[in-house]
Amino acid sequence: QVQLVESGGGLVQAGGSLRLSCTASGGAFSNYMIGWFRQAPGKEREFVAAITWSTTTTYYADSARGRFTISRDGAKNTVYLQMNSLKPEDTAVYSCAADLASTLLTFSSGNELDYWGKGTQVTVSS
């Protein structure tokens, strides 16, 4: 069974940067789409960014585009989310997910995805 483990969350001041990591164990990403979601207290889960493992095609929510960059490291079986120019409204639990042969519409819904990590807290202070 594949497991996803996130790391890199923490506390940062507005305008600062963090890099989140999502590492898979028990298998390879292969033909998966992998991405990041976030959820703040009292709010619905929100799609942030995604990448196709095989072609490294990337997708971004409007809230992330221009500030966040998703990438992968094949040797480490890891997907990264580089977050720059962070704002207090970026505060949330960030979770990674993976789904085999997803379309973006299916993946970004967050429904019925194959694997989820437990999440990592990102807090941006003002």
N, C-alpha and C. Protein backbone atom coordinates (compact mmCIF):
# COMPACT_ATOMS: atom_id res chain seq x y z
N GLN A 1 0.84 -1.19 0.00
CA GLN A 1 0.00 0.00 0.00
C GLN A 1 0.88 1.25 0.00
N VAL A 2 0.61 2.16 -0.93
CA VAL A 2 1.37 3.39 -1.04
C VAL A 2 0.99 4.32 0.10
N GLN A 3 1.98 4.95 0.70
CA GLN A 3 1.76 5.97 1.72
C GLN A 3 2.41 7.28 1.30
N LEU A 4 1.72 8.39 1.55
CA LEU A 4 2.24 9.72 1.26
C LEU A 4 2.52 10.44 2.56
N VAL A 5 3.69 11.05 2.66
CA VAL A 5 4.09 11.76 3.87
C VAL A 5 4.52 13.17 3.49
N GLU A 6 3.85 14.17 4.10
CA GLU A 6 4.18 15.57 3.86
C GLU A 6 5.16 16.07 4.92
N SER A 7 5.95 17.05 4.54
CA SER A 7 6.83 17.73 5.48
C SER A 7 7.08 19.15 4.98
N GLY A 8 7.64 19.99 5.85
CA GLY A 8 8.03 21.33 5.46
C GLY A 8 7.13 22.44 5.95
N GLY A 9 6.02 22.11 6.59
CA GLY A 9 5.16 23.13 7.14
C GLY A 9 5.79 23.82 8.33
N GLY A 10 5.19 24.94 8.72
CA GLY A 10 5.71 25.68 9.86
C GLY A 10 5.12 27.06 9.94
N LEU A 11 5.74 27.89 10.76
CA LEU A 11 5.32 29.27 10.98
C LEU A 11 6.24 30.20 10.23
N VAL A 12 5.66 31.13 9.47
CA VAL A 12 6.45 32.08 8.70
C VAL A 12 5.72 33.42 8.69
N GLN A 13 6.48 34.51 8.61
CA GLN A 13 5.88 35.84 8.51
C GLN A 13 5.38 36.11 7.10
N ALA A 14 4.40 36.99 7.00
CA ALA A 14 3.89 37.39 5.69
C ALA A 14 5.04 37.87 4.81
N GLY A 15 5.01 37.43 3.55
CA GLY A 15 6.07 37.75 2.61
C GLY A 15 7.17 36.71 2.55
N GLY A 16 7.19 35.78 3.49
CA GLY A 16 8.20 34.75 3.53
C GLY A 16 7.88 33.57 2.64
N SER A 17 8.72 32.53 2.74
CA SER A 17 8.62 31.36 1.88
C SER A 17 8.71 30.07 2.67
N LEU A 18 8.08 29.03 2.14
CA LEU A 18 8.20 27.67 2.64
C LEU A 18 8.23 26.72 1.45
N ARG A 19 8.87 25.57 1.63
CA ARG A 19 8.82 24.51 0.63
C ARG A 19 8.28 23.25 1.27
N LEU A 20 7.13 22.79 0.78
CA LEU A 20 6.52 21.56 1.24
C LEU A 20 6.99 20.38 0.40
N SER A 21 7.11 19.22 1.03
CA SER A 21 7.51 18.00 0.34
C SER A 21 6.45 16.93 0.53
N CYS A 22 6.24 16.12 -0.49
CA CYS A 22 5.34 14.97 -0.42
C CYS A 22 6.10 13.78 -0.98
N THR A 23 6.43 12.83 -0.11
CA THR A 23 7.23 11.68 -0.49
C THR A 23 6.40 10.41 -0.42
N ALA A 24 6.47 9.60 -1.46
CA ALA A 24 5.74 8.33 -1.53
C ALA A 24 6.63 7.18 -1.09
N SER A 25 6.05 6.27 -0.32
CA SER A 25 6.70 5.03 0.04
C SER A 25 5.79 3.87 -0.32
N GLY A 26 6.39 2.71 -0.58
CA GLY A 26 5.61 1.54 -0.94
C GLY A 26 5.24 1.44 -2.40
N GLY A 27 5.70 2.37 -3.21
CA GLY A 27 5.41 2.36 -4.63
C GLY A 27 5.92 3.62 -5.30
N ALA A 28 5.81 3.65 -6.62
CA ALA A 28 6.22 4.80 -7.42
C ALA A 28 5.01 5.54 -7.96
N PHE A 29 5.20 6.82 -8.27
CA PHE A 29 4.10 7.63 -8.80
C PHE A 29 3.71 7.25 -10.21
N SER A 30 4.66 6.86 -11.04
CA SER A 30 4.43 6.37 -12.40
C SER A 30 3.46 7.27 -13.18
N ASN A 31 2.27 6.76 -13.51
CA ASN A 31 1.29 7.49 -14.32
C ASN A 31 0.28 8.27 -13.49
N TYR A 32 0.67 8.69 -12.31
CA TYR A 32 -0.23 9.41 -11.42
C TYR A 32 -0.21 10.91 -11.64
N MET A 33 -1.32 11.55 -11.29
CA MET A 33 -1.34 12.98 -11.04
C MET A 33 -1.19 13.18 -9.53
N ILE A 34 -0.33 14.09 -9.14
CA ILE A 34 -0.05 14.37 -7.73
C ILE A 34 -0.25 15.85 -7.49
N GLY A 35 -0.80 16.20 -6.33
CA GLY A 35 -1.02 17.61 -6.08
C GLY A 35 -1.27 17.92 -4.63
N TRP A 36 -1.59 19.20 -4.41
CA TRP A 36 -1.76 19.74 -3.08
C TRP A 36 -3.13 20.38 -2.91
N PHE A 37 -3.72 20.15 -1.74
CA PHE A 37 -4.95 20.79 -1.31
C PHE A 37 -4.70 21.48 0.02
N ARG A 38 -5.57 22.41 0.38
CA ARG A 38 -5.46 23.05 1.69
C ARG A 38 -6.84 23.25 2.27
N GLN A 39 -6.90 23.29 3.60
CA GLN A 39 -8.15 23.51 4.30
C GLN A 39 -7.89 24.33 5.55
N ALA A 40 -8.54 25.47 5.62
CA ALA A 40 -8.48 26.33 6.79
C ALA A 40 -9.66 26.02 7.70
N PRO A 41 -9.54 26.31 9.00
CA PRO A 41 -10.65 26.04 9.93
C PRO A 41 -11.94 26.72 9.48
N GLY A 42 -13.03 25.95 9.46
CA GLY A 42 -14.33 26.48 9.09
C GLY A 42 -14.55 26.66 7.60
N LYS A 43 -13.59 26.26 6.77
CA LYS A 43 -13.71 26.42 5.33
C LYS A 43 -13.59 25.08 4.62
N GLU A 44 -14.08 25.03 3.39
CA GLU A 44 -14.00 23.82 2.59
C GLU A 44 -12.59 23.59 2.08
N ARG A 45 -12.28 22.33 1.78
CA ARG A 45 -11.00 21.98 1.19
C ARG A 45 -10.87 22.63 -0.19
N GLU A 46 -9.68 23.13 -0.50
CA GLU A 46 -9.42 23.90 -1.70
C GLU A 46 -8.25 23.32 -2.47
N PHE A 47 -8.42 23.14 -3.77
CA PHE A 47 -7.33 22.71 -4.64
C PHE A 47 -6.29 23.81 -4.77
N VAL A 48 -5.00 23.45 -4.74
CA VAL A 48 -3.92 24.42 -4.83
C VAL A 48 -3.12 24.25 -6.12
N ALA A 49 -2.57 23.06 -6.36
CA ALA A 49 -1.71 22.82 -7.52
C ALA A 49 -1.58 21.33 -7.77
N ALA A 50 -1.23 20.96 -9.01
CA ALA A 50 -1.05 19.55 -9.37
C ALA A 50 0.02 19.42 -10.43
N ILE A 51 0.57 18.21 -10.56
CA ILE A 51 1.58 17.90 -11.56
C ILE A 51 1.37 16.48 -12.03
N THR A 52 1.55 16.24 -13.33
CA THR A 52 1.56 14.88 -13.85
C THR A 52 2.97 14.34 -13.73
N TRP A 53 3.10 13.14 -13.18
CA TRP A 53 4.43 12.58 -12.93
C TRP A 53 5.21 12.35 -14.21
N SER A 54 4.55 11.80 -15.23
CA SER A 54 5.24 11.38 -16.44
C SER A 54 5.71 12.55 -17.31
N THR A 55 4.89 13.57 -17.46
CA THR A 55 5.21 14.68 -18.35
C THR A 55 5.56 15.98 -17.62
N THR A 56 5.38 16.02 -16.32
CA THR A 56 5.59 17.20 -15.48
C THR A 56 4.75 18.40 -15.94
N THR A 57 3.58 18.13 -16.49
CA THR A 57 2.63 19.19 -16.76
C THR A 57 2.07 19.71 -15.44
N THR A 58 2.01 21.02 -15.28
CA THR A 58 1.60 21.61 -14.00
C THR A 58 0.30 22.39 -14.14
N TYR A 59 -0.42 22.48 -13.03
CA TYR A 59 -1.70 23.18 -12.97
C TYR A 59 -1.75 23.94 -11.64
N TYR A 60 -2.38 25.13 -11.67
CA TYR A 60 -2.45 25.96 -10.48
C TYR A 60 -3.83 26.57 -10.31
N ALA A 61 -4.28 26.63 -9.07
CA ALA A 61 -5.44 27.45 -8.75
C ALA A 61 -5.07 28.92 -8.90
N ASP A 62 -6.08 29.76 -9.14
CA ASP A 62 -5.82 31.18 -9.31
C ASP A 62 -5.13 31.78 -8.09
N SER A 63 -5.45 31.28 -6.91
CA SER A 63 -4.86 31.79 -5.68
C SER A 63 -3.37 31.48 -5.56
N ALA A 64 -2.91 30.46 -6.30
CA ALA A 64 -1.52 30.02 -6.21
C ALA A 64 -0.65 30.48 -7.36
N ARG A 65 -1.24 30.68 -8.51
CA ARG A 65 -0.49 30.99 -9.72
C ARG A 65 0.33 32.27 -9.55
N GLY A 66 1.63 32.18 -9.89
CA GLY A 66 2.52 33.32 -9.77
C GLY A 66 3.26 33.39 -8.46
N ARG A 67 2.78 32.71 -7.43
CA ARG A 67 3.44 32.68 -6.13
C ARG A 67 3.96 31.29 -5.76
N PHE A 68 3.23 30.25 -6.15
CA PHE A 68 3.59 28.88 -5.80
C PHE A 68 4.10 28.14 -7.03
N THR A 69 5.02 27.20 -6.83
CA THR A 69 5.56 26.38 -7.91
C THR A 69 5.57 24.92 -7.47
N ILE A 70 4.95 24.05 -8.27
CA ILE A 70 4.96 22.62 -7.99
C ILE A 70 5.99 21.96 -8.91
N SER A 71 6.74 20.99 -8.37
CA SER A 71 7.77 20.30 -9.13
C SER A 71 7.95 18.89 -8.57
N ARG A 72 8.76 18.09 -9.24
CA ARG A 72 9.02 16.74 -8.76
C ARG A 72 10.49 16.39 -8.87
N ASP A 73 10.92 15.42 -8.05
CA ASP A 73 12.26 14.86 -8.09
C ASP A 73 12.10 13.36 -8.26
N GLY A 74 12.37 12.86 -9.46
CA GLY A 74 12.16 11.45 -9.73
C GLY A 74 13.03 10.53 -8.89
N ALA A 75 14.28 10.93 -8.63
CA ALA A 75 15.20 10.11 -7.86
C ALA A 75 14.73 9.94 -6.42
N LYS A 76 14.05 10.95 -5.88
CA LYS A 76 13.59 10.92 -4.50
C LYS A 76 12.12 10.55 -4.36
N ASN A 77 11.42 10.32 -5.49
CA ASN A 77 10.00 9.99 -5.47
C ASN A 77 9.21 11.02 -4.67
N THR A 78 9.50 12.29 -4.91
CA THR A 78 8.98 13.38 -4.11
C THR A 78 8.42 14.49 -4.98
N VAL A 79 7.32 15.08 -4.54
CA VAL A 79 6.73 16.26 -5.15
C VAL A 79 6.87 17.42 -4.17
N TYR A 80 7.25 18.58 -4.69
CA TYR A 80 7.46 19.77 -3.87
C TYR A 80 6.44 20.85 -4.20
N LEU A 81 6.15 21.67 -3.22
CA LEU A 81 5.38 22.89 -3.43
C LEU A 81 6.18 24.04 -2.83
N GLN A 82 6.80 24.84 -3.69
CA GLN A 82 7.52 26.03 -3.26
C GLN A 82 6.52 27.17 -3.15
N MET A 83 6.41 27.75 -1.96
CA MET A 83 5.45 28.82 -1.69
C MET A 83 6.21 30.09 -1.35
N ASN A 84 6.06 31.10 -2.18
CA ASN A 84 6.70 32.39 -1.98
C ASN A 84 5.64 33.46 -1.75
N SER A 85 6.08 34.61 -1.23
CA SER A 85 5.18 35.75 -0.99
C SER A 85 3.94 35.34 -0.21
N LEU A 86 4.15 34.59 0.85
CA LEU A 86 3.03 34.04 1.61
C LEU A 86 2.23 35.13 2.29
N LYS A 87 0.92 34.90 2.36
CA LYS A 87 -0.04 35.82 2.96
C LYS A 87 -0.75 35.14 4.12
N PRO A 88 -1.27 35.90 5.08
CA PRO A 88 -2.01 35.27 6.18
C PRO A 88 -3.15 34.37 5.71
N GLU A 89 -3.80 34.71 4.59
CA GLU A 89 -4.88 33.90 4.08
C GLU A 89 -4.42 32.56 3.51
N ASP A 90 -3.10 32.34 3.40
CA ASP A 90 -2.57 31.04 3.01
C ASP A 90 -2.52 30.06 4.17
N THR A 91 -2.79 30.52 5.38
CA THR A 91 -2.77 29.67 6.56
C THR A 91 -3.79 28.55 6.42
N ALA A 92 -3.33 27.29 6.56
CA ALA A 92 -4.19 26.14 6.39
C ALA A 92 -3.38 24.88 6.66
N VAL A 93 -4.08 23.75 6.74
CA VAL A 93 -3.44 22.45 6.68
C VAL A 93 -3.31 22.07 5.21
N TYR A 94 -2.09 21.79 4.78
CA TYR A 94 -1.81 21.43 3.39
C TYR A 94 -1.62 19.92 3.30
N SER A 95 -2.37 19.28 2.40
CA SER A 95 -2.30 17.84 2.21
C SER A 95 -1.95 17.52 0.77
N CYS A 96 -1.15 16.47 0.57
CA CYS A 96 -0.89 16.01 -0.78
C CYS A 96 -1.75 14.80 -1.09
N ALA A 97 -2.02 14.60 -2.37
CA ALA A 97 -2.84 13.49 -2.83
C ALA A 97 -2.32 13.00 -4.16
N ALA A 98 -2.64 11.75 -4.49
CA ALA A 98 -2.24 11.15 -5.76
C ALA A 98 -3.39 10.32 -6.32
N ASP A 99 -3.54 10.38 -7.64
CA ASP A 99 -4.62 9.64 -8.30
C ASP A 99 -4.13 9.15 -9.64
N LEU A 100 -4.41 7.88 -9.96
CA LEU A 100 -3.95 7.26 -11.19
C LEU A 100 -4.73 7.79 -12.38
N ALA A 101 -4.00 8.30 -13.38
CA ALA A 101 -4.58 8.69 -14.67
C ALA A 101 -5.74 9.66 -14.54
N SER A 102 -5.63 10.61 -13.63
CA SER A 102 -6.67 11.60 -13.43
C SER A 102 -6.69 12.65 -14.54
N THR A 103 -7.88 13.20 -14.79
CA THR A 103 -7.99 14.47 -15.46
C THR A 103 -7.91 15.56 -14.40
N LEU A 104 -7.61 16.79 -14.82
CA LEU A 104 -7.53 17.87 -13.86
C LEU A 104 -8.87 18.11 -13.18
N LEU A 105 -9.97 18.01 -13.95
CA LEU A 105 -11.29 18.24 -13.36
C LEU A 105 -11.58 17.22 -12.26
N THR A 106 -11.25 15.96 -12.50
CA THR A 106 -11.46 14.94 -11.50
C THR A 106 -10.56 15.16 -10.29
N PHE A 107 -9.28 15.40 -10.54
CA PHE A 107 -8.33 15.54 -9.45
C PHE A 107 -8.65 16.75 -8.58
N SER A 108 -8.91 17.89 -9.20
CA SER A 108 -9.10 19.11 -8.44
C SER A 108 -10.37 19.09 -7.58
N SER A 109 -11.30 18.20 -7.89
CA SER A 109 -12.48 18.05 -7.05
C SER A 109 -12.14 17.49 -5.68
N GLY A 110 -11.04 16.74 -5.59
CA GLY A 110 -10.62 16.12 -4.35
C GLY A 110 -11.41 14.90 -3.95
N ASN A 111 -12.30 14.44 -4.83
CA ASN A 111 -13.17 13.31 -4.50
C ASN A 111 -12.61 12.01 -5.04
N GLU A 112 -12.64 10.98 -4.23
CA GLU A 112 -12.32 9.60 -4.62
C GLU A 112 -10.89 9.47 -5.15
N LEU A 113 -9.96 10.23 -4.62
CA LEU A 113 -8.56 10.11 -5.01
C LEU A 113 -7.93 8.89 -4.34
N ASP A 114 -6.92 8.31 -5.00
CA ASP A 114 -6.37 7.03 -4.55
C ASP A 114 -5.64 7.12 -3.21
N TYR A 115 -4.84 8.16 -3.01
CA TYR A 115 -4.01 8.27 -1.82
C TYR A 115 -4.00 9.69 -1.29
N TRP A 116 -3.98 9.81 0.04
CA TRP A 116 -3.88 11.08 0.74
C TRP A 116 -2.83 11.01 1.82
N GLY A 117 -2.08 12.09 2.00
CA GLY A 117 -1.25 12.23 3.17
C GLY A 117 -2.04 12.79 4.33
N LYS A 118 -1.43 12.85 5.49
CA LYS A 118 -2.11 13.32 6.69
C LYS A 118 -2.12 14.84 6.83
N GLY A 119 -1.27 15.53 6.11
CA GLY A 119 -1.27 16.98 6.11
C GLY A 119 -0.17 17.58 6.96
N THR A 120 0.17 18.82 6.63
CA THR A 120 1.15 19.59 7.39
C THR A 120 0.64 21.02 7.55
N GLN A 121 0.81 21.57 8.75
CA GLN A 121 0.26 22.89 9.06
C GLN A 121 1.17 23.99 8.55
N VAL A 122 0.58 24.94 7.84
CA VAL A 122 1.26 26.16 7.41
C VAL A 122 0.56 27.34 8.07
N THR A 123 1.32 28.13 8.82
CA THR A 123 0.77 29.30 9.49
C THR A 123 1.57 30.53 9.07
N VAL A 124 0.87 31.53 8.54
CA VAL A 124 1.50 32.77 8.08
C VAL A 124 1.02 33.89 8.99
N SER A 125 1.94 34.51 9.69
CA SER A 125 1.61 35.58 10.61
C SER A 125 1.70 36.93 9.93
N SER A 126 0.95 37.90 10.45
CA SER A 126 0.94 39.24 9.90
C SER A 126 1.88 40.17 10.64
